[in-house]
């Protein structure tokens, strides 16, 4: 399996002076949600806790767009919220440009409008094997520092739980 692909995005909102702060992020997926997540833990005391942000939206007209016809890549509606009274500067303002610059997504030029919000349709350029995966049972994220050990797809795993799995006793009738 390939390594977790991380990328750097510069954020000016974290600094009081307006200086660019580099953030190392990775793309992840949990169920129907695509996430931006830190590829390594922020605290050694809690290695399974990560800050993340959901970047896709379910649009009523087409909640799960078909993959791209030419490349077969996954497409999602990027979650861009409106600012006050519909002006620019709402939730995830500038995210599309930053992800395109980091070569994480490609803008298709298609938009869907719901109310005051216009969602751009983007094509994800990172292969799913390079996502930072999350355990479907406990929600823990992979750690880029633990490579080459990656999560494996399997039946529900109890490996991340602190308790032992109990066997069920057969019942008699």
C-alpha atoms as a PDB file:
ATOM      1  CA  UNK A   1       0.000   0.000   0.000  1.00  0.00           C
ATOM      2  CA  UNK A   2       1.247   3.503  -0.797  1.00  0.00           C
ATOM      3  CA  UNK A   3       2.306   5.988   1.854  1.00  0.00           C
ATOM      4  CA  UNK A   4      -0.083   8.584   3.256  1.00  0.00           C
ATOM      5  CA  UNK A   5       0.186  11.636   0.999  1.00  0.00           C
ATOM      6  CA  UNK A   6       0.406  14.842   2.987  1.00  0.00           C
ATOM      7  CA  UNK A   7       0.436  18.348   1.564  1.00  0.00           C
ATOM      8  CA  UNK A   8       1.059  21.848   2.855  1.00  0.00           C
ATOM      9  CA  UNK A   9      -1.593  24.555   2.846  1.00  0.00           C
ATOM     10  CA  UNK A  10      -0.804  28.100   3.986  1.00  0.00           C
ATOM     11  CA  UNK A  11      -3.356  29.673   6.317  1.00  0.00           C
ATOM     12  CA  UNK A  12      -3.345  33.394   7.083  1.00  0.00           C
ATOM     13  CA  UNK A  13      -6.240  33.241   9.567  1.00  0.00           C
ATOM     14  CA  UNK A  14      -4.138  31.619  12.321  1.00  0.00           C
ATOM     15  CA  UNK A  15      -1.803  34.589  12.652  1.00  0.00           C
ATOM     16  CA  UNK A  16      -2.701  37.954  14.168  1.00  0.00           C
ATOM     17  CA  UNK A  17      -0.186  39.625  11.838  1.00  0.00           C
ATOM     18  CA  UNK A  18      -1.593  38.042   8.668  1.00  0.00           C
ATOM     19  CA  UNK A  19       1.577  35.996   8.102  1.00  0.00           C
ATOM     20  CA  UNK A  20       1.126  32.649   6.358  1.00  0.00           C
ATOM     21  CA  UNK A  21       1.190  29.627   8.664  1.00  0.00           C
ATOM     22  CA  UNK A  22       2.012  26.310   6.950  1.00  0.00           C
ATOM     23  CA  UNK A  23      -0.359  23.464   7.829  1.00  0.00           C
ATOM     24  CA  UNK A  24       0.599  19.888   6.926  1.00  0.00           C
ATOM     25  CA  UNK A  25      -2.635  18.041   6.150  1.00  0.00           C
ATOM     26  CA  UNK A  26      -3.848  14.812   4.576  1.00  0.00           C
ATOM     27  CA  UNK A  27      -7.092  13.777   2.943  1.00  0.00           C
ATOM     28  CA  UNK A  28      -9.238  11.202   4.738  1.00  0.00           C
ATOM     29  CA  UNK A  29     -12.653   9.621   4.398  1.00  0.00           C
ATOM     30  CA  UNK A  30     -15.219   8.459   6.954  1.00  0.00           C
ATOM     31  CA  UNK A  31     -18.399   6.957   5.480  1.00  0.00           C
ATOM     32  CA  UNK A  32     -19.726   9.511   2.974  1.00  0.00           C
ATOM     33  CA  UNK A  33     -17.597  12.377   4.291  1.00  0.00           C
ATOM     34  CA  UNK A  34     -14.242  13.557   2.977  1.00  0.00           C
ATOM     35  CA  UNK A  35     -12.012  15.197   5.567  1.00  0.00           C
ATOM     36  CA  UNK A  36      -8.902  17.306   5.909  1.00  0.00           C
ATOM     37  CA  UNK A  37      -6.961  15.860   8.836  1.00  0.00           C
ATOM     38  CA  UNK A  38      -3.552  16.219  10.442  1.00  0.00           C
ATOM     39  CA  UNK A  39      -1.528  13.134   9.357  1.00  0.00           C
ATOM     40  CA  UNK A  40       0.194  12.934  12.765  1.00  0.00           C
ATOM     41  CA  UNK A  41      -1.151  13.346  16.320  1.00  0.00           C
ATOM     42  CA  UNK A  42      -0.979  16.837  17.832  1.00  0.00           C
ATOM     43  CA  UNK A  43      -0.436  15.413  21.329  1.00  0.00           C
ATOM     44  CA  UNK A  44       1.573  12.347  22.400  1.00  0.00           C
ATOM     45  CA  UNK A  45      -0.867  11.935  25.298  1.00  0.00           C
ATOM     46  CA  UNK A  46      -3.779  11.278  22.927  1.00  0.00           C
ATOM     47  CA  UNK A  47      -2.446   9.718  19.698  1.00  0.00           C
ATOM     48  CA  UNK A  48      -5.894   8.765  18.337  1.00  0.00           C
ATOM     49  CA  UNK A  49      -7.472  12.212  18.690  1.00  0.00           C
ATOM     50  CA  UNK A  50      -7.160  14.452  15.636  1.00  0.00           C
ATOM     51  CA  UNK A  51      -8.647  17.704  14.545  1.00  0.00           C
ATOM     52  CA  UNK A  52     -10.384  17.381  11.214  1.00  0.00           C
ATOM     53  CA  UNK A  53     -12.743  19.274   8.969  1.00  0.00           C
ATOM     54  CA  UNK A  54     -15.413  17.856   6.650  1.00  0.00           C
ATOM     55  CA  UNK A  55     -14.896  19.365   3.196  1.00  0.00           C
ATOM     56  CA  UNK A  56     -17.740  17.862   1.169  1.00  0.00           C
ATOM     57  CA  UNK A  57     -21.435  18.702   1.103  1.00  0.00           C
ATOM     58  CA  UNK A  58     -24.442  16.664   0.032  1.00  0.00           C
ATOM     59  CA  UNK A  59     -26.253  18.660  -2.629  1.00  0.00           C
ATOM     60  CA  UNK A  60     -29.961  17.861  -2.924  1.00  0.00           C
ATOM     61  CA  UNK A  61     -29.943  17.593  -6.734  1.00  0.00           C
ATOM     62  CA  UNK A  62     -26.965  15.174  -6.844  1.00  0.00           C
ATOM     63  CA  UNK A  63     -25.716  14.134  -3.375  1.00  0.00           C
ATOM     64  CA  UNK A  64     -23.164  11.590  -4.631  1.00  0.00           C
ATOM     65  CA  UNK A  65     -21.862  12.673  -8.067  1.00  0.00           C
ATOM     66  CA  UNK A  66     -20.646   9.965 -10.426  1.00  0.00           C
ATOM     67  CA  UNK A  67     -16.890   9.566 -10.901  1.00  0.00           C
ATOM     68  CA  UNK A  68     -15.265  11.543 -13.683  1.00  0.00           C
ATOM     69  CA  UNK A  69     -15.955   9.968 -17.095  1.00  0.00           C
ATOM     70  CA  UNK A  70     -12.441  10.534 -18.419  1.00  0.00           C
ATOM     71  CA  UNK A  71     -10.343   9.542 -15.405  1.00  0.00           C
ATOM     72  CA  UNK A  72     -12.703   7.624 -13.112  1.00  0.00           C
ATOM     73  CA  UNK A  73     -11.647   9.827 -10.190  1.00  0.00           C
ATOM     74  CA  UNK A  74     -14.015  10.572  -7.323  1.00  0.00           C
ATOM     75  CA  UNK A  75     -15.915  13.861  -7.506  1.00  0.00           C
ATOM     76  CA  UNK A  76     -17.420  15.723  -4.557  1.00  0.00           C
ATOM     77  CA  UNK A  77     -19.262  18.965  -3.921  1.00  0.00           C
ATOM     78  CA  UNK A  78     -16.828  21.155  -1.978  1.00  0.00           C
ATOM     79  CA  UNK A  79     -18.360  22.664   1.166  1.00  0.00           C
ATOM     80  CA  UNK A  80     -18.127  26.433   0.807  1.00  0.00           C
ATOM     81  CA  UNK A  81     -20.432  28.402   3.106  1.00  0.00           C
ATOM     82  CA  UNK A  82     -21.787  31.872   2.547  1.00  0.00           C
ATOM     83  CA  UNK A  83     -20.682  34.809   4.648  1.00  0.00           C
ATOM     84  CA  UNK A  84     -23.073  37.224   6.304  1.00  0.00           C
ATOM     85  CA  UNK A  85     -25.900  38.146   3.909  1.00  0.00           C
ATOM     86  CA  UNK A  86     -24.346  36.047   1.133  1.00  0.00           C
ATOM     87  CA  UNK A  87     -21.108  37.968   0.619  1.00  0.00           C
ATOM     88  CA  UNK A  88     -17.731  36.259   0.297  1.00  0.00           C
ATOM     89  CA  UNK A  89     -15.766  35.205   3.356  1.00  0.00           C
ATOM     90  CA  UNK A  90     -17.879  32.418   4.810  1.00  0.00           C
ATOM     91  CA  UNK A  91     -16.942  28.935   5.939  1.00  0.00           C
ATOM     92  CA  UNK A  92     -13.971  27.462   4.026  1.00  0.00           C
ATOM     93  CA  UNK A  93     -13.404  30.718   2.123  1.00  0.00           C
ATOM     94  CA  UNK A  94     -10.399  30.262  -0.176  1.00  0.00           C
ATOM     95  CA  UNK A  95     -10.293  26.487   0.377  1.00  0.00           C
ATOM     96  CA  UNK A  96     -10.880  25.642  -3.287  1.00  0.00           C
ATOM     97  CA  UNK A  97      -7.928  27.749  -4.436  1.00  0.00           C
ATOM     98  CA  UNK A  98      -5.625  26.317  -1.741  1.00  0.00           C
ATOM     99  CA  UNK A  99      -6.543  22.690  -2.573  1.00  0.00           C
ATOM    100  CA  UNK A 100      -6.112  23.293  -6.318  1.00  0.00           C
ATOM    101  CA  UNK A 101      -2.705  24.907  -5.678  1.00  0.00           C
ATOM    102  CA  UNK A 102      -1.657  21.899  -3.529  1.00  0.00           C
ATOM    103  CA  UNK A 103      -2.798  19.547  -6.336  1.00  0.00           C
ATOM    104  CA  UNK A 104      -5.342  17.820  -4.078  1.00  0.00           C
ATOM    105  CA  UNK A 105      -8.386  18.602  -6.233  1.00  0.00           C
ATOM    106  CA  UNK A 106      -9.163  19.884  -9.728  1.00  0.00           C
ATOM    107  CA  UNK A 107     -12.043  22.309 -10.241  1.00  0.00           C
ATOM    108  CA  UNK A 108     -14.518  20.999 -12.835  1.00  0.00           C
ATOM    109  CA  UNK A 109     -16.125  24.409 -13.333  1.00  0.00           C
ATOM    110  CA  UNK A 110     -19.563  22.992 -12.399  1.00  0.00           C
ATOM    111  CA  UNK A 111     -21.455  24.606  -9.515  1.00  0.00           C
ATOM    112  CA  UNK A 112     -24.680  23.770  -7.717  1.00  0.00           C
ATOM    113  CA  UNK A 113     -26.552  26.491  -5.861  1.00  0.00           C
ATOM    114  CA  UNK A 114     -28.703  25.894  -2.803  1.00  0.00           C
ATOM    115  CA  UNK A 115     -30.081  29.107  -1.331  1.00  0.00           C
ATOM    116  CA  UNK A 116     -27.203  31.597  -1.044  1.00  0.00           C
ATOM    117  CA  UNK A 117     -24.502  28.932  -1.199  1.00  0.00           C
ATOM    118  CA  UNK A 118     -22.780  27.842  -4.401  1.00  0.00           C
ATOM    119  CA  UNK A 119     -20.957  24.500  -4.158  1.00  0.00           C
ATOM    120  CA  UNK A 120     -18.177  23.804  -6.695  1.00  0.00           C
ATOM    121  CA  UNK A 121     -17.843  20.240  -8.029  1.00  0.00           C
ATOM    122  CA  UNK A 122     -14.234  19.084  -7.689  1.00  0.00           C
ATOM    123  CA  UNK A 123     -12.346  15.985  -8.760  1.00  0.00           C
ATOM    124  CA  UNK A 124     -10.067  14.437  -6.116  1.00  0.00           C
ATOM    125  CA  UNK A 125      -6.562  13.943  -7.512  1.00  0.00           C
ATOM    126  CA  UNK A 126      -5.151  11.881  -4.618  1.00  0.00           C
ATOM    127  CA  UNK A 127      -5.687   8.116  -5.020  1.00  0.00           C
ATOM    128  CA  UNK A 128      -7.737   6.533  -2.169  1.00  0.00           C
ATOM    129  CA  UNK A 129      -4.760   4.344  -1.222  1.00  0.00           C
ATOM    130  CA  UNK A 130      -2.880   7.501  -0.196  1.00  0.00           C
ATOM    131  CA  UNK A 131      -5.622   8.807   2.118  1.00  0.00           C
ATOM    132  CA  UNK A 132      -5.089   8.868   5.881  1.00  0.00           C
ATOM    133  CA  UNK A 133      -7.596   6.117   6.718  1.00  0.00           C
ATOM    134  CA  UNK A 134      -9.798   5.955   9.801  1.00  0.00           C
ATOM    135  CA  UNK A 135     -10.829   2.788  11.630  1.00  0.00           C
ATOM    136  CA  UNK A 136     -14.495   2.081  10.899  1.00  0.00           C
ATOM    137  CA  UNK A 137     -14.998   0.643  14.391  1.00  0.00           C
ATOM    138  CA  UNK A 138     -13.366   3.134  16.753  1.00  0.00           C
ATOM    139  CA  UNK A 139     -12.692   6.153  14.494  1.00  0.00           C
ATOM    140  CA  UNK A 140      -8.924   6.289  15.135  1.00  0.00           C
ATOM    141  CA  UNK A 141      -6.877   7.767  12.272  1.00  0.00           C
ATOM    142  CA  UNK A 142      -3.720   6.290  10.817  1.00  0.00           C
ATOM    143  CA  UNK A 143      -0.477   7.914  11.889  1.00  0.00           C
ATOM    144  CA  UNK A 144       1.962   8.961   9.154  1.00  0.00           C
ATOM    145  CA  UNK A 145       4.802   8.389  11.641  1.00  0.00           C
ATOM    146  CA  UNK A 146       3.889   4.683  11.912  1.00  0.00           C
ATOM    147  CA  UNK A 147       4.549   3.936   8.246  1.00  0.00           C
ATOM    148  CA  UNK A 148       4.923   1.435   6.619  1.00  0.00           C
ATOM    149  CA  UNK A 149       2.244   0.010   8.981  1.00  0.00           C
ATOM    150  CA  UNK A 150      -1.109   1.000   7.483  1.00  0.00           C
ATOM    151  CA  UNK A 151      -4.649   0.046   8.453  1.00  0.00           C
ATOM    152  CA  UNK A 152      -5.891  -2.971   6.560  1.00  0.00           C
ATOM    153  CA  UNK A 153      -9.443  -3.404   5.347  1.00  0.00           C
ATOM    154  CA  UNK A 154     -11.068  -6.222   7.215  1.00  0.00           C
ATOM    155  CA  UNK A 155     -14.134  -7.248   9.142  1.00  0.00           C
ATOM    156  CA  UNK A 156     -14.853  -5.121  12.222  1.00  0.00           C
ATOM    157  CA  UNK A 157     -11.671  -4.983  14.259  1.00  0.00           C
ATOM    158  CA  UNK A 158     -11.411  -4.684  17.993  1.00  0.00           C
ATOM    159  CA  UNK A 159      -7.658  -4.044  17.920  1.00  0.00           C
ATOM    160  CA  UNK A 160      -8.030  -0.370  18.928  1.00  0.00           C
ATOM    161  CA  UNK A 161     -10.394  -1.022  21.837  1.00  0.00           C
ATOM    162  CA  UNK A 162      -8.945  -1.107  25.361  1.00  0.00           C
ATOM    163  CA  UNK A 163     -11.182  -3.991  26.393  1.00  0.00           C
ATOM    164  CA  UNK A 164     -11.179  -7.638  25.383  1.00  0.00           C
ATOM    165  CA  UNK A 165     -13.764  -8.982  23.027  1.00  0.00           C
ATOM    166  CA  UNK A 166     -16.253 -11.158  24.910  1.00  0.00           C
ATOM    167  CA  UNK A 167     -17.514 -14.395  23.442  1.00  0.00           C
ATOM    168  CA  UNK A 168     -21.226 -14.842  23.349  1.00  0.00           C
ATOM    169  CA  UNK A 169     -22.538 -17.906  25.072  1.00  0.00           C
ATOM    170  CA  UNK A 170     -25.057 -19.976  23.139  1.00  0.00           C
ATOM    171  CA  UNK A 171     -28.568 -19.809  24.523  1.00  0.00           C
ATOM    172  CA  UNK A 172     -30.630 -22.892  25.184  1.00  0.00           C
ATOM    173  CA  UNK A 173     -34.290 -23.191  24.412  1.00  0.00           C
END
